[in-house]
Protein backbone atom coordinates (compact mmCIF):
# COMPACT_ATOMS: atom_id res chain seq x y z
CA MET A 1 -1.32 9.10 17.43
CA LYS A 2 -4.57 8.17 15.71
CA ALA A 3 -4.68 6.83 12.17
CA LEU A 4 -7.20 5.50 9.69
CA VAL A 5 -5.65 2.25 8.50
CA LEU A 6 -6.45 0.11 5.46
CA ASN A 7 -5.92 -3.53 6.47
CA ALA A 8 -7.51 -5.22 3.45
CA ALA A 9 -9.03 -4.32 0.10
CA LYS A 10 -12.77 -3.56 -0.07
CA GLN A 11 -12.91 -3.16 3.71
CA PRO A 12 -13.54 0.04 5.68
CA LEU A 13 -10.57 1.90 7.07
CA GLU A 14 -10.07 1.21 10.78
CA MET A 15 -9.27 3.90 13.34
CA GLU A 16 -6.24 2.73 15.32
CA GLU A 17 -4.14 4.06 18.17
CA ARG A 18 -0.45 3.94 17.33
CA ALA A 19 2.76 5.02 19.02
CA GLU A 20 3.81 8.63 18.49
CA LEU A 21 6.12 8.98 15.51
CA THR A 22 9.87 9.56 15.68
CA PRO A 23 11.63 11.04 12.63
CA ASP A 24 14.49 9.25 10.90
CA SER A 25 17.55 11.15 9.71
CA GLY A 26 16.49 13.80 7.20
CA ASP A 27 12.82 13.48 8.14
CA VAL A 28 10.39 15.58 10.15
CA VAL A 29 7.16 14.87 11.99
CA VAL A 30 4.20 17.04 11.03
CA LYS A 31 1.24 17.31 13.40
CA LEU A 32 -1.57 17.33 10.87
CA LYS A 33 -4.38 19.84 11.01
CA THR A 34 -6.02 18.65 7.80
CA ALA A 35 -5.75 16.07 5.04
CA ALA A 36 -7.51 15.72 1.69
CA LEU A 37 -8.77 12.80 -0.36
CA ASN A 38 -7.84 11.98 -3.92
CA ARG A 39 -9.24 9.50 -6.42
CA ARG A 40 -6.06 7.49 -5.81
CA ASP A 41 -7.20 6.75 -2.24
CA PHE A 42 -10.50 5.40 -3.50
CA TRP A 43 -8.84 3.06 -6.02
CA ILE A 44 -6.44 1.75 -3.37
CA THR A 45 -9.31 0.87 -1.03
CA ARG A 46 -10.84 -1.12 -3.89
CA GLY A 47 -7.59 -3.02 -4.47
CA MET A 48 -7.31 -1.46 -7.94
CA TYR A 49 -3.87 0.13 -7.70
CA PRO A 50 -0.40 -1.34 -8.26
CA GLY A 51 1.90 -2.19 -5.38
CA ILE A 52 -0.62 -2.18 -2.55
CA VAL A 53 0.74 -3.22 0.84
CA TYR A 54 -1.19 -3.82 4.06
CA PRO A 55 -1.55 -2.34 6.55
CA ILE A 56 -1.20 1.16 5.11
CA ILE A 57 -2.27 4.66 6.14
CA LEU A 58 -3.62 6.33 3.03
CA GLY A 59 -3.61 10.04 2.25
CA SER A 60 -1.27 12.04 0.04
CA ASP A 61 -2.35 15.58 0.97
CA GLY A 62 -1.75 17.20 4.32
CA ALA A 63 -1.12 20.47 6.13
CA GLY A 64 0.02 21.02 9.68
CA VAL A 65 2.76 22.12 12.05
CA VAL A 66 6.26 20.63 12.29
CA SER A 67 6.66 19.09 15.75
CA GLN A 68 9.94 17.13 15.52
CA VAL A 69 13.00 17.02 13.28
CA GLY A 70 15.41 14.18 12.63
CA GLU A 71 19.18 14.21 12.49
CA GLY A 72 20.51 16.62 9.88
CA VAL A 73 17.37 18.81 9.82
CA GLU A 74 17.47 22.38 11.12
CA SER A 75 15.54 22.79 14.37
CA SER A 76 14.17 26.09 13.03
CA TRP A 77 11.51 24.03 11.23
CA ILE A 78 9.82 23.24 14.56
CA GLY A 79 6.59 25.20 14.92
CA ASN A 80 6.38 26.12 11.23
CA GLU A 81 3.05 25.85 9.43
CA VAL A 82 3.59 23.72 6.33
CA ILE A 83 2.02 21.84 3.45
CA ILE A 84 3.54 18.66 2.09
CA ASN A 85 4.58 17.90 -1.48
CA PRO A 86 3.40 14.27 -1.87
CA SER A 87 5.56 13.63 -4.97
CA LEU A 88 8.43 11.60 -3.49
CA ASP A 89 11.77 10.67 -5.09
CA TRP A 90 10.97 12.36 -8.41
CA GLY A 91 14.63 12.41 -9.43
CA ASN A 92 16.75 14.99 -11.21
CA LYS A 93 15.01 15.25 -14.58
CA GLN A 94 12.16 17.64 -15.25
CA ILE A 95 11.01 15.66 -18.28
CA ALA A 96 9.86 12.59 -16.31
CA GLN A 97 10.06 10.89 -12.92
CA ALA A 98 12.77 8.44 -11.85
CA ASP A 99 12.18 4.69 -11.50
CA ASP A 100 11.80 4.92 -7.70
CA PHE A 101 9.24 7.74 -7.82
CA ASN A 102 6.38 7.17 -5.38
CA ILE A 103 3.50 9.05 -3.82
CA LEU A 104 2.89 9.68 -0.13
CA GLY A 105 0.21 7.33 1.18
CA LEU A 106 1.52 4.15 -0.52
CA PRO A 107 3.98 2.58 0.08
CA ARG A 108 4.91 5.18 2.72
CA ASP A 109 2.24 5.86 5.36
CA GLY A 110 0.25 8.96 4.57
CA THR A 111 -1.86 11.73 6.02
CA PHE A 112 -5.09 10.09 7.21
CA ALA A 113 -3.76 10.43 10.73
CA THR A 114 -2.95 12.97 13.40
CA GLU A 115 0.71 13.05 12.38
CA VAL A 116 3.00 11.92 9.56
CA THR A 117 6.73 11.65 8.87
CA VAL A 118 8.10 13.04 5.61
CA PRO A 119 11.49 14.07 4.25
CA GLU A 120 12.43 17.67 4.95
CA SER A 121 12.67 18.23 1.18
CA GLN A 122 8.88 17.80 0.88
CA LEU A 123 8.03 20.70 3.18
CA HIS A 124 6.77 24.07 1.97
CA ALA A 125 5.38 27.00 3.88
CA LYS A 126 1.61 26.95 4.14
CA PRO A 127 0.31 29.50 1.59
CA ALA A 128 -0.64 32.66 3.48
CA HIS A 129 -3.88 33.16 1.54
CA LEU A 130 -5.26 29.70 2.39
CA ASN A 131 -6.87 28.32 5.54
CA TRP A 132 -6.00 24.84 6.80
CA GLU A 133 -8.69 23.07 4.79
CA GLU A 134 -7.76 24.85 1.57
CA ALA A 135 -4.05 24.24 2.14
CA ALA A 136 -4.57 20.48 2.47
CA ALA A 137 -6.64 20.41 -0.72
CA LEU A 138 -3.92 21.94 -2.88
CA PRO A 139 -0.85 19.64 -3.17
CA LEU A 140 -1.56 16.49 -5.23
CA ALA A 141 -4.40 17.76 -7.39
CA GLY A 142 -2.88 21.22 -7.77
CA LEU A 143 0.49 19.78 -8.77
CA THR A 144 -1.06 17.33 -11.23
CA ALA A 145 -3.16 20.08 -12.79
CA TYR A 146 -0.27 22.53 -13.05
CA ARG A 147 2.08 20.09 -14.78
CA ALA A 148 -0.62 18.87 -17.19
CA LEU A 149 -1.68 22.39 -18.09
CA PHE A 150 1.61 24.27 -18.25
CA SER A 151 4.68 22.00 -18.17
CA GLN A 152 3.18 19.40 -20.51
CA GLY A 153 0.31 21.29 -22.16
CA GLY A 154 2.15 24.57 -22.72
CA LEU A 155 -0.98 26.67 -22.21
CA GLN A 156 -0.67 30.26 -23.47
CA GLN A 157 -2.81 33.27 -22.68
CA GLY A 158 -5.78 33.57 -25.02
CA GLU A 159 -5.83 29.92 -26.10
CA THR A 160 -9.06 27.97 -26.31
CA ILE A 161 -8.94 24.98 -23.97
CA LEU A 162 -11.38 22.14 -23.29
CA ILE A 163 -11.39 20.39 -19.92
CA THR A 164 -13.27 17.08 -19.94
CA GLY A 165 -15.15 15.74 -16.92
CA VAL A 166 -15.02 18.89 -14.82
CA GLY A 167 -15.79 18.49 -11.12
CA GLY A 168 -13.01 16.22 -9.90
CA GLY A 169 -10.19 17.70 -7.88
CA VAL A 170 -7.58 17.89 -10.65
CA ALA A 171 -10.01 19.05 -13.35
CA THR A 172 -11.28 21.79 -11.06
CA PHE A 173 -7.74 23.06 -10.53
CA VAL A 174 -7.11 22.92 -14.29
CA LEU A 175 -10.17 25.13 -14.71
CA GLN A 176 -9.05 27.61 -12.06
CA PHE A 177 -5.46 27.77 -13.33
CA ALA A 178 -6.51 28.15 -16.97
CA VAL A 179 -8.92 30.97 -16.16
CA ALA A 180 -6.22 32.69 -14.09
CA ALA A 181 -3.79 32.37 -17.01
CA GLY A 182 -6.20 34.17 -19.34
CA ALA A 183 -7.34 31.22 -21.46
CA GLU A 184 -10.80 30.78 -22.97
CA VAL A 185 -12.03 27.77 -21.03
CA TRP A 186 -14.76 25.30 -21.98
CA VAL A 187 -15.75 22.15 -20.10
CA THR A 188 -17.68 18.93 -20.40
CA SER A 189 -19.53 16.97 -17.73
CA SER A 190 -22.41 14.55 -17.32
CA SER A 191 -23.99 17.02 -14.88
CA GLU A 192 -25.64 20.35 -15.68
CA GLN A 193 -25.02 21.38 -12.08
CA LYS A 194 -21.27 20.86 -12.43
CA ILE A 195 -21.26 22.82 -15.68
CA ASP A 196 -23.06 25.67 -13.90
CA ARG A 197 -20.43 25.61 -11.15
CA ALA A 198 -17.67 25.70 -13.75
CA VAL A 199 -19.22 28.71 -15.47
CA LYS A 200 -19.34 30.55 -12.14
CA LEU A 201 -15.60 29.87 -11.82
CA GLY A 202 -14.90 31.45 -15.21
CA ALA A 203 -15.63 28.82 -17.88
CA LYS A 204 -17.31 30.19 -20.99
CA ARG A 205 -19.80 27.33 -21.20
CA GLY A 206 -20.08 23.57 -20.89
CA PHE A 207 -21.43 20.60 -22.82
CA LEU A 208 -22.96 17.36 -21.64
CA TYR A 209 -20.73 14.61 -23.01
CA THR A 210 -23.69 12.26 -22.64
CA ALA A 211 -25.53 14.22 -25.35
CA GLU A 212 -25.45 13.02 -28.94
CA ASN A 213 -23.27 15.16 -31.23
CA TRP A 214 -21.95 17.29 -28.38
CA ALA A 215 -18.61 17.68 -30.16
CA GLU A 216 -20.26 19.09 -33.30
CA ASP A 217 -22.19 21.55 -31.13
CA PHE A 218 -18.94 22.51 -29.43
CA VAL A 219 -17.21 23.37 -32.71
CA LYS A 220 -20.20 25.38 -33.90
CA THR A 221 -20.11 27.38 -30.67
CA ALA A 222 -16.44 27.71 -29.77
CA GLY A 223 -14.41 26.47 -32.72
CA ALA A 224 -11.73 23.82 -32.29
CA PRO A 225 -9.74 23.95 -29.04
CA SER A 226 -5.97 24.06 -29.35
CA LEU A 227 -5.56 22.20 -26.04
CA ILE A 228 -7.63 19.46 -24.42
CA ILE A 229 -6.96 18.22 -20.87
CA ASP A 230 -8.46 14.77 -20.31
CA SER A 231 -8.39 12.06 -17.64
CA ALA A 232 -10.87 9.56 -19.05
CA ALA A 233 -9.61 8.26 -22.44
CA GLY A 234 -11.88 5.25 -23.15
CA PRO A 235 -14.16 4.53 -26.11
CA ALA A 236 -14.89 8.19 -26.88
CA TYR A 237 -11.25 9.26 -27.13
CA ASP A 238 -11.46 9.39 -30.92
CA THR A 239 -14.00 12.19 -30.50
CA LEU A 240 -11.25 14.30 -28.90
CA ILE A 241 -8.90 13.51 -31.81
CA ASP A 242 -11.58 14.78 -34.20
CA LEU A 243 -12.37 17.81 -32.06
CA VAL A 244 -8.92 19.26 -31.33
CA ALA A 245 -7.53 21.89 -33.69
CA MET A 246 -4.91 21.23 -36.34
CA GLY A 247 -1.54 21.22 -34.59
CA GLY A 248 -3.28 20.92 -31.23
CA ARG A 249 -2.38 19.04 -28.07
CA ILE A 250 -4.25 16.52 -25.92
CA VAL A 251 -2.81 15.95 -22.45
CA ASN A 252 -3.90 12.94 -20.39
CA PHE A 253 -3.26 12.67 -16.67
CA GLY A 254 -5.41 9.54 -16.35
CA ALA A 255 -7.52 6.98 -18.19
CA THR A 256 -10.41 6.18 -15.89
CA LEU A 257 -12.44 4.68 -18.74
CA GLY A 258 -9.59 2.51 -19.96
CA PRO A 259 -7.75 2.58 -23.30
CA PRO A 260 -9.32 4.00 -26.46
CA ASP A 261 -11.16 1.54 -28.69
CA LYS A 262 -9.05 2.78 -31.57
CA LEU A 263 -6.46 5.38 -32.42
CA GLU A 264 -6.49 6.40 -36.05
CA MET A 265 -2.88 7.20 -36.83
CA ARG A 266 -3.80 8.97 -40.06
CA LYS A 267 -5.67 11.61 -38.06
CA LEU A 268 -2.75 11.92 -35.67
CA PHE A 269 -0.14 12.68 -38.31
CA TRP A 270 -2.43 14.52 -40.74
CA LYS A 271 -3.58 16.94 -38.06
CA GLN A 272 -0.02 17.13 -36.67
CA LEU A 273 -1.25 16.49 -33.15
CA ARG A 274 0.67 15.97 -29.96
CA LEU A 275 -0.67 13.40 -27.51
CA GLN A 276 1.05 14.03 -24.19
CA GLY A 277 1.03 12.08 -20.95
CA SER A 278 1.39 13.72 -17.55
CA THR A 279 1.87 12.32 -14.05
CA MET A 280 1.99 14.32 -10.82
CA GLY A 281 4.93 16.73 -11.08
CA SER A 282 8.52 17.59 -10.26
CA PRO A 283 9.82 19.66 -7.34
CA ALA A 284 10.13 22.59 -9.76
CA ASP A 285 6.50 22.10 -10.84
CA PHE A 286 5.40 22.16 -7.20
CA GLU A 287 7.25 25.37 -6.44
CA ASP A 288 5.91 27.00 -9.60
CA MET A 289 2.39 25.86 -8.75
CA LEU A 290 2.63 27.47 -5.30
CA LYS A 291 3.91 30.73 -6.78
CA PHE A 292 1.18 30.76 -9.44
CA SER A 293 -1.55 30.04 -6.87
CA ALA A 294 -0.32 32.82 -4.58
CA LYS A 295 0.10 35.34 -7.42
CA HIS A 296 -3.41 34.76 -8.75
CA GLY A 297 -5.09 34.11 -5.41
CA VAL A 298 -6.26 30.63 -6.42
CA VAL A 299 -8.31 29.11 -3.60
CA PRO A 300 -9.10 25.36 -3.77
CA ILE A 301 -12.76 24.45 -4.03
CA ILE A 302 -13.86 22.41 -1.02
CA ASP A 303 -16.94 20.28 -1.68
CA ALA A 304 -17.26 18.90 1.85
CA THR A 305 -15.32 18.64 5.10
CA TYR A 306 -15.33 15.61 7.38
CA SER A 307 -13.64 14.69 10.64
CA LEU A 308 -10.86 12.11 10.49
CA ALA A 309 -13.26 9.60 12.06
CA GLU A 310 -15.64 10.14 9.12
CA GLY A 311 -13.03 9.21 6.52
CA ASN A 312 -14.94 6.13 5.35
CA THR A 313 -17.99 8.26 4.65
CA ALA A 314 -15.94 10.52 2.39
CA ILE A 315 -14.43 7.57 0.52
CA GLU A 316 -17.85 6.00 -0.02
CA GLN A 317 -19.06 9.26 -1.52
CA MET A 318 -16.40 8.94 -4.20
CA LYS A 319 -18.10 5.81 -5.59
CA VAL A 320 -20.45 7.94 -7.66
CA SER A 321 -18.28 11.08 -7.99
CA PRO A 322 -20.89 13.61 -6.85
CA GLN A 323 -18.34 16.15 -5.70
CA PHE A 324 -17.23 19.39 -7.27
CA GLY A 325 -13.79 20.03 -5.85
CA LYS A 326 -12.15 18.31 -2.91
CA TYR A 327 -13.10 16.33 0.18
CA VAL A 328 -11.10 17.33 3.28
CA LEU A 329 -10.55 15.61 6.63
CA THR A 330 -9.88 17.62 9.79
CA ASN A 331 -8.27 16.73 13.10
CA ASP A 332 -10.04 19.46 15.11
């Protein structure tokens, strides 16, 4: 097999020839057609992620064909077209993950390769309405978006929702899912081009968060949103506290700008707000996400496709976050 391997932080991935994989008991081998990148992969290559081990094959998202099964796995899986749920060892509680929860691609070798081993429990039929590239783009970002929006955010039809920093993989899925669910969707970005793309996907309008007084302009135009989905946090988080409606919810699935400078508790209790964290998702979330995507015909947005050998080029692109949607690697 071929694999892109990270041998040290801040170094390019190296293409290596490795022995063909053999599945352990309960596992399968998937011959990968496609894989997709996530922001997580970028942070790992920079050494800015907990629990990094070397060498490691990155990649949480993948789609392909089952080629081998381990002891205890039905042979009927062989030849099936599948996508992989990268949320490993979630545990038995829907409310939160177990202590040994982990994500495919660290510490377990991932999908930036021609094949991967995963537990049988992580397999799902490739969605019939998606091609190989689209199928690989769905799992991690789609799962994260679905849990943040529905399981944690409790989005209802007709609600006004604000999605900050649209353009990344998860935020783009949040946009698509919210539009499909019948919400009134608004977005922010630092790019007019990304706002235009979001409007074409069903957003009402967008605001440049780099503009002075953008939040005041938002309220004048759309009123106060009852739900905000955010992944940045950082110094401007208090703006979201001011912006969200009385009794509203703010769901964070990340904090790329670090912790807020302040959190005024008086605003929190006076406005009766709910600040909710969200990480990846449970097996039930993944199954519900697949059903929702199929029912509404949600097709992942692919920004660019690269060969496996061009994986470093895709990762370097993520330095400045130019993409709208997902980067995908192919083994064709």
